[in-house]
Amino acid sequence: MTDHIGSCLCGTVRFEVEGDFDSFYLCHCQYCQKDTGSAHAANLFSQSAKLTWLAGEDAVTSFTLPGTRHNKCFCKSCGSALPGTQPAGLLVVPAGCLDTEVSVLPTAHLFTCNRAVWEAAISEAPEFEGLPEWP
């Protein structure tokens, strides 16, 4: 069994996940693009892991898009994505909110028909280890 620790950007919310992840999906749907402001969401899923809030549980809120099952949990202070439990008891953990290493590789890409048009060119963009120098 694996334990993971995570937090939000401002540090108000801290949590622990005890257990293993069943899958790791990269979702390219339009809802996830809006949620993340990026090309896709990267979420870990578990039917058996246990989520424990270590600090800031009162700062956690969620939004469900009306008429859908699309839900996002986040910190009220900084807006960082946070774990949440779906109605069927499925734990969803945004990979980027974990402070511990994720050893699970992505299981699959979902809703690839909605990929951002610029995503195909990502591998051709220059890479910098930090911020580039600005003119």
N, C-alpha and C. Protein backbone atom coordinates (compact mmCIF):
# COMPACT_ATOMS: atom_id res chain seq x y z
N MET A 1 0.84 -1.18 0.00
CA MET A 1 0.00 0.00 0.00
C MET A 1 0.89 1.25 0.00
N THR A 2 0.48 2.25 -0.74
CA THR A 2 1.25 3.47 -0.88
C THR A 2 0.55 4.62 -0.19
N ASP A 3 1.34 5.49 0.44
CA ASP A 3 0.80 6.71 1.04
C ASP A 3 1.29 7.90 0.24
N HIS A 4 0.41 8.87 0.06
CA HIS A 4 0.76 10.10 -0.64
C HIS A 4 0.35 11.29 0.21
N ILE A 5 1.14 12.34 0.13
CA ILE A 5 0.85 13.60 0.80
C ILE A 5 0.66 14.65 -0.29
N GLY A 6 -0.26 15.57 -0.06
CA GLY A 6 -0.49 16.62 -1.04
C GLY A 6 -0.93 17.90 -0.37
N SER A 7 -1.00 18.96 -1.17
CA SER A 7 -1.39 20.27 -0.66
C SER A 7 -1.81 21.18 -1.80
N CYS A 8 -2.39 22.30 -1.41
CA CYS A 8 -2.74 23.32 -2.41
C CYS A 8 -1.57 24.28 -2.57
N LEU A 9 -1.66 25.18 -3.50
CA LEU A 9 -0.57 26.12 -3.80
C LEU A 9 -0.24 27.03 -2.62
N CYS A 10 -1.26 27.53 -1.92
CA CYS A 10 -1.01 28.46 -0.82
C CYS A 10 -0.68 27.75 0.49
N GLY A 11 -0.84 26.43 0.55
CA GLY A 11 -0.50 25.67 1.73
C GLY A 11 -1.59 25.60 2.79
N THR A 12 -2.73 26.20 2.52
CA THR A 12 -3.85 26.16 3.47
C THR A 12 -4.37 24.74 3.65
N VAL A 13 -4.48 24.02 2.53
CA VAL A 13 -5.03 22.67 2.56
C VAL A 13 -3.90 21.66 2.43
N ARG A 14 -3.90 20.67 3.33
CA ARG A 14 -2.96 19.55 3.25
C ARG A 14 -3.75 18.27 3.46
N PHE A 15 -3.33 17.21 2.79
CA PHE A 15 -4.08 15.95 2.88
C PHE A 15 -3.15 14.76 2.70
N GLU A 16 -3.68 13.60 3.05
CA GLU A 16 -2.98 12.34 2.86
C GLU A 16 -3.91 11.37 2.15
N VAL A 17 -3.35 10.59 1.23
CA VAL A 17 -4.08 9.52 0.57
C VAL A 17 -3.38 8.22 0.93
N GLU A 18 -4.11 7.33 1.59
CA GLU A 18 -3.58 6.02 1.96
C GLU A 18 -4.19 4.98 1.03
N GLY A 19 -3.34 4.31 0.28
CA GLY A 19 -3.81 3.28 -0.63
C GLY A 19 -3.24 3.48 -2.02
N ASP A 20 -3.63 2.60 -2.90
CA ASP A 20 -3.10 2.60 -4.26
C ASP A 20 -4.09 3.20 -5.25
N PHE A 21 -3.55 3.73 -6.32
CA PHE A 21 -4.39 4.26 -7.39
C PHE A 21 -4.65 3.16 -8.41
N ASP A 22 -5.88 3.10 -8.89
CA ASP A 22 -6.28 2.09 -9.87
C ASP A 22 -5.97 2.53 -11.30
N SER A 23 -6.04 3.83 -11.54
CA SER A 23 -5.82 4.33 -12.90
C SER A 23 -5.38 5.79 -12.84
N PHE A 24 -4.82 6.23 -13.97
CA PHE A 24 -4.30 7.59 -14.11
C PHE A 24 -4.68 8.05 -15.51
N TYR A 25 -5.67 8.91 -15.60
CA TYR A 25 -6.17 9.35 -16.91
C TYR A 25 -5.81 10.79 -17.21
N LEU A 26 -5.45 11.03 -18.46
CA LEU A 26 -5.23 12.37 -18.99
C LEU A 26 -6.47 12.69 -19.83
N CYS A 27 -7.29 13.59 -19.33
CA CYS A 27 -8.57 13.89 -19.98
C CYS A 27 -8.49 15.19 -20.77
N HIS A 28 -8.81 15.09 -22.04
CA HIS A 28 -8.74 16.24 -22.95
C HIS A 28 -10.11 16.86 -23.23
N CYS A 29 -11.14 16.47 -22.47
CA CYS A 29 -12.48 17.02 -22.72
C CYS A 29 -12.48 18.54 -22.51
N GLN A 30 -13.45 19.19 -23.07
CA GLN A 30 -13.51 20.65 -22.97
C GLN A 30 -13.70 21.12 -21.53
N TYR A 31 -14.39 20.32 -20.71
CA TYR A 31 -14.57 20.69 -19.30
C TYR A 31 -13.23 20.68 -18.57
N CYS A 32 -12.44 19.66 -18.79
CA CYS A 32 -11.14 19.58 -18.14
C CYS A 32 -10.18 20.65 -18.65
N GLN A 33 -10.29 21.01 -19.91
CA GLN A 33 -9.48 22.11 -20.43
C GLN A 33 -9.84 23.41 -19.72
N LYS A 34 -11.13 23.64 -19.52
CA LYS A 34 -11.57 24.85 -18.80
C LYS A 34 -11.12 24.81 -17.34
N ASP A 35 -11.28 23.64 -16.69
CA ASP A 35 -10.88 23.47 -15.29
C ASP A 35 -9.42 23.80 -15.06
N THR A 36 -8.56 23.32 -15.95
CA THR A 36 -7.12 23.44 -15.75
C THR A 36 -6.50 24.64 -16.46
N GLY A 37 -7.19 25.17 -17.47
CA GLY A 37 -6.58 26.22 -18.28
C GLY A 37 -5.45 25.68 -19.13
N SER A 38 -5.46 24.37 -19.35
CA SER A 38 -4.39 23.72 -20.08
C SER A 38 -4.96 22.74 -21.09
N ALA A 39 -4.10 21.92 -21.66
CA ALA A 39 -4.51 20.99 -22.70
C ALA A 39 -5.31 19.81 -22.16
N HIS A 40 -5.07 19.44 -20.90
CA HIS A 40 -5.78 18.30 -20.32
C HIS A 40 -5.65 18.30 -18.81
N ALA A 41 -6.51 17.53 -18.17
CA ALA A 41 -6.40 17.28 -16.74
C ALA A 41 -5.65 15.97 -16.56
N ALA A 42 -4.94 15.84 -15.45
CA ALA A 42 -4.21 14.62 -15.12
C ALA A 42 -4.70 14.15 -13.76
N ASN A 43 -5.60 13.16 -13.75
CA ASN A 43 -6.25 12.72 -12.52
C ASN A 43 -5.99 11.25 -12.23
N LEU A 44 -5.71 10.97 -10.96
CA LEU A 44 -5.54 9.61 -10.46
C LEU A 44 -6.86 9.17 -9.84
N PHE A 45 -7.20 7.89 -9.99
CA PHE A 45 -8.48 7.37 -9.51
C PHE A 45 -8.23 6.16 -8.61
N SER A 46 -9.05 6.05 -7.55
CA SER A 46 -8.98 4.88 -6.68
C SER A 46 -10.35 4.57 -6.10
N GLN A 47 -10.67 3.29 -6.07
CA GLN A 47 -11.92 2.85 -5.45
C GLN A 47 -11.70 2.45 -4.00
N SER A 48 -10.43 2.32 -3.58
CA SER A 48 -10.17 1.82 -2.23
C SER A 48 -9.32 2.73 -1.35
N ALA A 49 -8.62 3.70 -1.93
CA ALA A 49 -7.74 4.57 -1.14
C ALA A 49 -8.57 5.46 -0.21
N LYS A 50 -7.95 5.84 0.90
CA LYS A 50 -8.61 6.67 1.91
C LYS A 50 -8.01 8.06 1.91
N LEU A 51 -8.87 9.08 1.82
CA LEU A 51 -8.46 10.48 1.86
C LEU A 51 -8.65 11.01 3.27
N THR A 52 -7.58 11.63 3.82
CA THR A 52 -7.66 12.26 5.13
C THR A 52 -7.17 13.70 5.00
N TRP A 53 -7.98 14.63 5.44
CA TRP A 53 -7.59 16.04 5.42
C TRP A 53 -6.71 16.29 6.65
N LEU A 54 -5.50 16.79 6.45
CA LEU A 54 -4.57 17.08 7.54
C LEU A 54 -4.70 18.52 8.01
N ALA A 55 -5.10 19.41 7.12
CA ALA A 55 -5.29 20.83 7.45
C ALA A 55 -6.17 21.48 6.38
N GLY A 56 -6.93 22.46 6.78
CA GLY A 56 -7.68 23.28 5.83
C GLY A 56 -8.90 22.66 5.19
N GLU A 57 -9.48 21.62 5.78
CA GLU A 57 -10.66 20.99 5.17
C GLU A 57 -11.78 22.00 4.94
N ASP A 58 -11.88 22.99 5.83
CA ASP A 58 -12.93 24.00 5.68
C ASP A 58 -12.68 24.94 4.49
N ALA A 59 -11.48 24.90 3.92
CA ALA A 59 -11.16 25.73 2.75
C ALA A 59 -11.40 24.98 1.44
N VAL A 60 -11.85 23.73 1.53
CA VAL A 60 -12.11 22.93 0.33
C VAL A 60 -13.56 23.13 -0.10
N THR A 61 -13.74 23.43 -1.35
CA THR A 61 -15.09 23.57 -1.91
C THR A 61 -15.13 22.82 -3.23
N SER A 62 -16.32 22.71 -3.79
CA SER A 62 -16.42 22.01 -5.07
C SER A 62 -17.46 22.67 -5.96
N PHE A 63 -17.35 22.35 -7.23
CA PHE A 63 -18.29 22.85 -8.23
C PHE A 63 -18.66 21.69 -9.14
N THR A 64 -19.95 21.49 -9.33
CA THR A 64 -20.43 20.50 -10.28
C THR A 64 -21.13 21.25 -11.40
N LEU A 65 -20.72 21.00 -12.62
CA LEU A 65 -21.33 21.65 -13.78
C LEU A 65 -22.76 21.13 -13.93
N PRO A 66 -23.74 22.01 -13.86
CA PRO A 66 -25.14 21.57 -13.95
C PRO A 66 -25.40 20.72 -15.19
N GLY A 67 -26.17 19.65 -14.98
CA GLY A 67 -26.54 18.77 -16.08
C GLY A 67 -25.46 17.78 -16.48
N THR A 68 -24.34 17.73 -15.70
CA THR A 68 -23.24 16.81 -16.02
C THR A 68 -22.78 16.12 -14.73
N ARG A 69 -21.86 15.18 -14.89
CA ARG A 69 -21.19 14.57 -13.74
C ARG A 69 -19.84 15.23 -13.49
N HIS A 70 -19.54 16.28 -14.25
CA HIS A 70 -18.24 16.94 -14.13
C HIS A 70 -18.17 17.74 -12.83
N ASN A 71 -17.19 17.38 -12.00
CA ASN A 71 -17.03 17.99 -10.69
C ASN A 71 -15.57 18.36 -10.47
N LYS A 72 -15.35 19.48 -9.80
CA LYS A 72 -13.99 19.90 -9.46
C LYS A 72 -13.97 20.37 -8.02
N CYS A 73 -13.03 19.83 -7.24
CA CYS A 73 -12.80 20.28 -5.87
C CYS A 73 -11.57 21.18 -5.90
N PHE A 74 -11.61 22.25 -5.07
CA PHE A 74 -10.51 23.19 -5.10
C PHE A 74 -10.43 23.98 -3.80
N CYS A 75 -9.30 24.64 -3.58
CA CYS A 75 -9.07 25.49 -2.42
C CYS A 75 -9.76 26.82 -2.62
N LYS A 76 -10.53 27.26 -1.62
CA LYS A 76 -11.22 28.55 -1.70
C LYS A 76 -10.25 29.72 -1.74
N SER A 77 -9.05 29.55 -1.17
CA SER A 77 -8.08 30.64 -1.10
C SER A 77 -7.28 30.83 -2.37
N CYS A 78 -6.75 29.74 -2.93
CA CYS A 78 -5.85 29.88 -4.08
C CYS A 78 -6.38 29.24 -5.37
N GLY A 79 -7.46 28.48 -5.28
CA GLY A 79 -8.06 27.88 -6.48
C GLY A 79 -7.41 26.58 -6.94
N SER A 80 -6.41 26.09 -6.21
CA SER A 80 -5.74 24.85 -6.61
C SER A 80 -6.70 23.67 -6.62
N ALA A 81 -6.54 22.81 -7.61
CA ALA A 81 -7.34 21.59 -7.70
C ALA A 81 -6.97 20.67 -6.54
N LEU A 82 -8.00 20.01 -5.96
CA LEU A 82 -7.81 19.13 -4.81
C LEU A 82 -8.61 17.86 -5.00
N PRO A 83 -8.30 16.83 -4.20
CA PRO A 83 -9.02 15.56 -4.32
C PRO A 83 -10.49 15.70 -3.95
N GLY A 84 -11.27 14.80 -4.48
CA GLY A 84 -12.69 14.73 -4.15
C GLY A 84 -13.21 13.34 -4.37
N THR A 85 -14.32 13.03 -3.72
CA THR A 85 -14.94 11.72 -3.87
C THR A 85 -16.21 11.87 -4.69
N GLN A 86 -16.32 11.07 -5.72
CA GLN A 86 -17.49 11.07 -6.59
C GLN A 86 -18.62 10.29 -5.90
N PRO A 87 -19.87 10.49 -6.35
CA PRO A 87 -21.00 9.81 -5.71
C PRO A 87 -20.85 8.30 -5.55
N ALA A 88 -20.20 7.64 -6.47
CA ALA A 88 -20.05 6.18 -6.39
C ALA A 88 -18.91 5.78 -5.46
N GLY A 89 -18.33 6.74 -4.73
CA GLY A 89 -17.25 6.44 -3.81
C GLY A 89 -15.88 6.43 -4.46
N LEU A 90 -15.79 6.86 -5.70
CA LEU A 90 -14.53 6.89 -6.43
C LEU A 90 -13.74 8.13 -6.03
N LEU A 91 -12.51 7.94 -5.55
CA LEU A 91 -11.64 9.05 -5.18
C LEU A 91 -10.91 9.54 -6.42
N VAL A 92 -10.97 10.84 -6.67
CA VAL A 92 -10.29 11.47 -7.80
C VAL A 92 -9.26 12.43 -7.23
N VAL A 93 -7.99 12.22 -7.59
CA VAL A 93 -6.90 13.05 -7.08
C VAL A 93 -6.15 13.69 -8.25
N PRO A 94 -6.19 15.02 -8.37
CA PRO A 94 -5.40 15.67 -9.40
C PRO A 94 -3.91 15.39 -9.15
N ALA A 95 -3.23 14.85 -10.12
CA ALA A 95 -1.83 14.44 -9.94
C ALA A 95 -0.93 15.60 -9.51
N GLY A 96 -1.20 16.78 -10.00
CA GLY A 96 -0.35 17.93 -9.70
C GLY A 96 -0.44 18.45 -8.28
N CYS A 97 -1.45 18.03 -7.52
CA CYS A 97 -1.56 18.51 -6.14
C CYS A 97 -0.80 17.62 -5.16
N LEU A 98 -0.23 16.53 -5.64
CA LEU A 98 0.54 15.65 -4.76
C LEU A 98 1.95 16.19 -4.57
N ASP A 99 2.42 16.14 -3.33
CA ASP A 99 3.79 16.55 -3.02
C ASP A 99 4.74 15.36 -3.07
N THR A 100 4.20 14.17 -3.05
CA THR A 100 4.99 12.95 -3.17
C THR A 100 5.00 12.51 -4.63
N GLU A 101 6.01 11.74 -4.97
CA GLU A 101 6.17 11.28 -6.36
C GLU A 101 5.04 10.33 -6.77
N VAL A 102 4.58 10.50 -7.99
CA VAL A 102 3.58 9.60 -8.56
C VAL A 102 4.33 8.56 -9.38
N SER A 103 4.27 7.31 -8.95
CA SER A 103 5.00 6.25 -9.65
C SER A 103 4.16 5.57 -10.72
N VAL A 104 2.85 5.83 -10.72
CA VAL A 104 1.95 5.24 -11.71
C VAL A 104 2.08 6.01 -13.02
N LEU A 105 2.19 5.31 -14.12
CA LEU A 105 2.22 5.96 -15.43
C LEU A 105 0.80 6.15 -15.92
N PRO A 106 0.55 7.14 -16.77
CA PRO A 106 -0.81 7.34 -17.28
C PRO A 106 -1.36 6.07 -17.92
N THR A 107 -2.61 5.78 -17.61
CA THR A 107 -3.31 4.62 -18.13
C THR A 107 -3.75 4.86 -19.56
N ALA A 108 -4.31 6.06 -19.80
CA ALA A 108 -4.83 6.38 -21.14
C ALA A 108 -5.14 7.86 -21.25
N HIS A 109 -5.25 8.33 -22.49
CA HIS A 109 -5.77 9.66 -22.82
C HIS A 109 -7.26 9.49 -23.09
N LEU A 110 -8.07 10.40 -22.56
CA LEU A 110 -9.52 10.35 -22.78
C LEU A 110 -9.97 11.56 -23.59
N PHE A 111 -11.05 11.41 -24.31
CA PHE A 111 -11.67 12.48 -25.11
C PHE A 111 -10.64 13.17 -26.02
N THR A 112 -9.85 12.36 -26.70
CA THR A 112 -8.82 12.91 -27.59
C THR A 112 -9.41 13.65 -28.78
N CYS A 113 -10.68 13.44 -29.06
CA CYS A 113 -11.33 14.18 -30.14
C CYS A 113 -11.41 15.68 -29.81
N ASN A 114 -11.23 16.03 -28.54
CA ASN A 114 -11.28 17.43 -28.11
C ASN A 114 -9.90 18.02 -27.84
N ARG A 115 -8.85 17.33 -28.26
CA ARG A 115 -7.51 17.86 -28.01
C ARG A 115 -7.38 19.29 -28.53
N ALA A 116 -6.65 20.11 -27.76
CA ALA A 116 -6.37 21.47 -28.20
C ALA A 116 -5.53 21.41 -29.48
N VAL A 117 -5.82 22.28 -30.43
CA VAL A 117 -5.12 22.24 -31.72
C VAL A 117 -3.62 22.48 -31.56
N TRP A 118 -3.22 23.21 -30.54
CA TRP A 118 -1.81 23.52 -30.33
C TRP A 118 -1.06 22.40 -29.61
N GLU A 119 -1.77 21.41 -29.10
CA GLU A 119 -1.12 20.35 -28.34
C GLU A 119 -0.13 19.53 -29.17
N ALA A 120 -0.41 19.34 -30.43
CA ALA A 120 0.47 18.55 -31.31
C ALA A 120 1.86 19.17 -31.43
N ALA A 121 1.97 20.47 -31.27
CA ALA A 121 3.26 21.16 -31.44
C ALA A 121 4.05 21.29 -30.14
N ILE A 122 3.53 20.78 -29.03
CA ILE A 122 4.21 20.94 -27.74
C ILE A 122 5.63 20.37 -27.77
N SER A 123 5.81 19.21 -28.34
CA SER A 123 7.14 18.58 -28.33
C SER A 123 8.17 19.37 -29.15
N GLU A 124 7.73 20.25 -30.01
CA GLU A 124 8.64 21.05 -30.83
C GLU A 124 9.03 22.37 -30.18
N ALA A 125 8.37 22.74 -29.10
CA ALA A 125 8.66 24.02 -28.42
C ALA A 125 9.99 23.93 -27.69
N PRO A 126 10.74 25.03 -27.64
CA PRO A 126 12.00 25.04 -26.90
C PRO A 126 11.76 24.72 -25.43
N GLU A 127 12.77 24.17 -24.76
CA GLU A 127 12.66 23.82 -23.34
C GLU A 127 13.68 24.62 -22.54
N PHE A 128 13.26 25.07 -21.35
CA PHE A 128 14.12 25.81 -20.43
C PHE A 128 13.97 25.17 -19.05
N GLU A 129 15.05 25.08 -18.29
CA GLU A 129 14.97 24.51 -16.95
C GLU A 129 14.33 25.48 -15.97
N GLY A 130 14.25 26.73 -16.29
CA GLY A 130 13.64 27.77 -15.47
C GLY A 130 13.01 28.78 -16.40
N LEU A 131 12.81 29.99 -15.90
CA LEU A 131 12.24 31.05 -16.75
C LEU A 131 13.27 31.47 -17.80
N PRO A 132 12.83 31.72 -19.02
CA PRO A 132 13.76 32.21 -20.03
C PRO A 132 14.09 33.66 -19.76
N GLU A 133 15.18 34.12 -20.33
CA GLU A 133 15.52 35.53 -20.19
C GLU A 133 14.60 36.34 -21.08
N TRP A 134 14.06 37.43 -20.56
CA TRP A 134 13.17 38.30 -21.32
C TRP A 134 13.97 39.43 -21.93
N PRO A 135 13.61 39.82 -23.13
CA PRO A 135 14.37 40.90 -23.79
C PRO A 135 14.27 42.22 -23.06
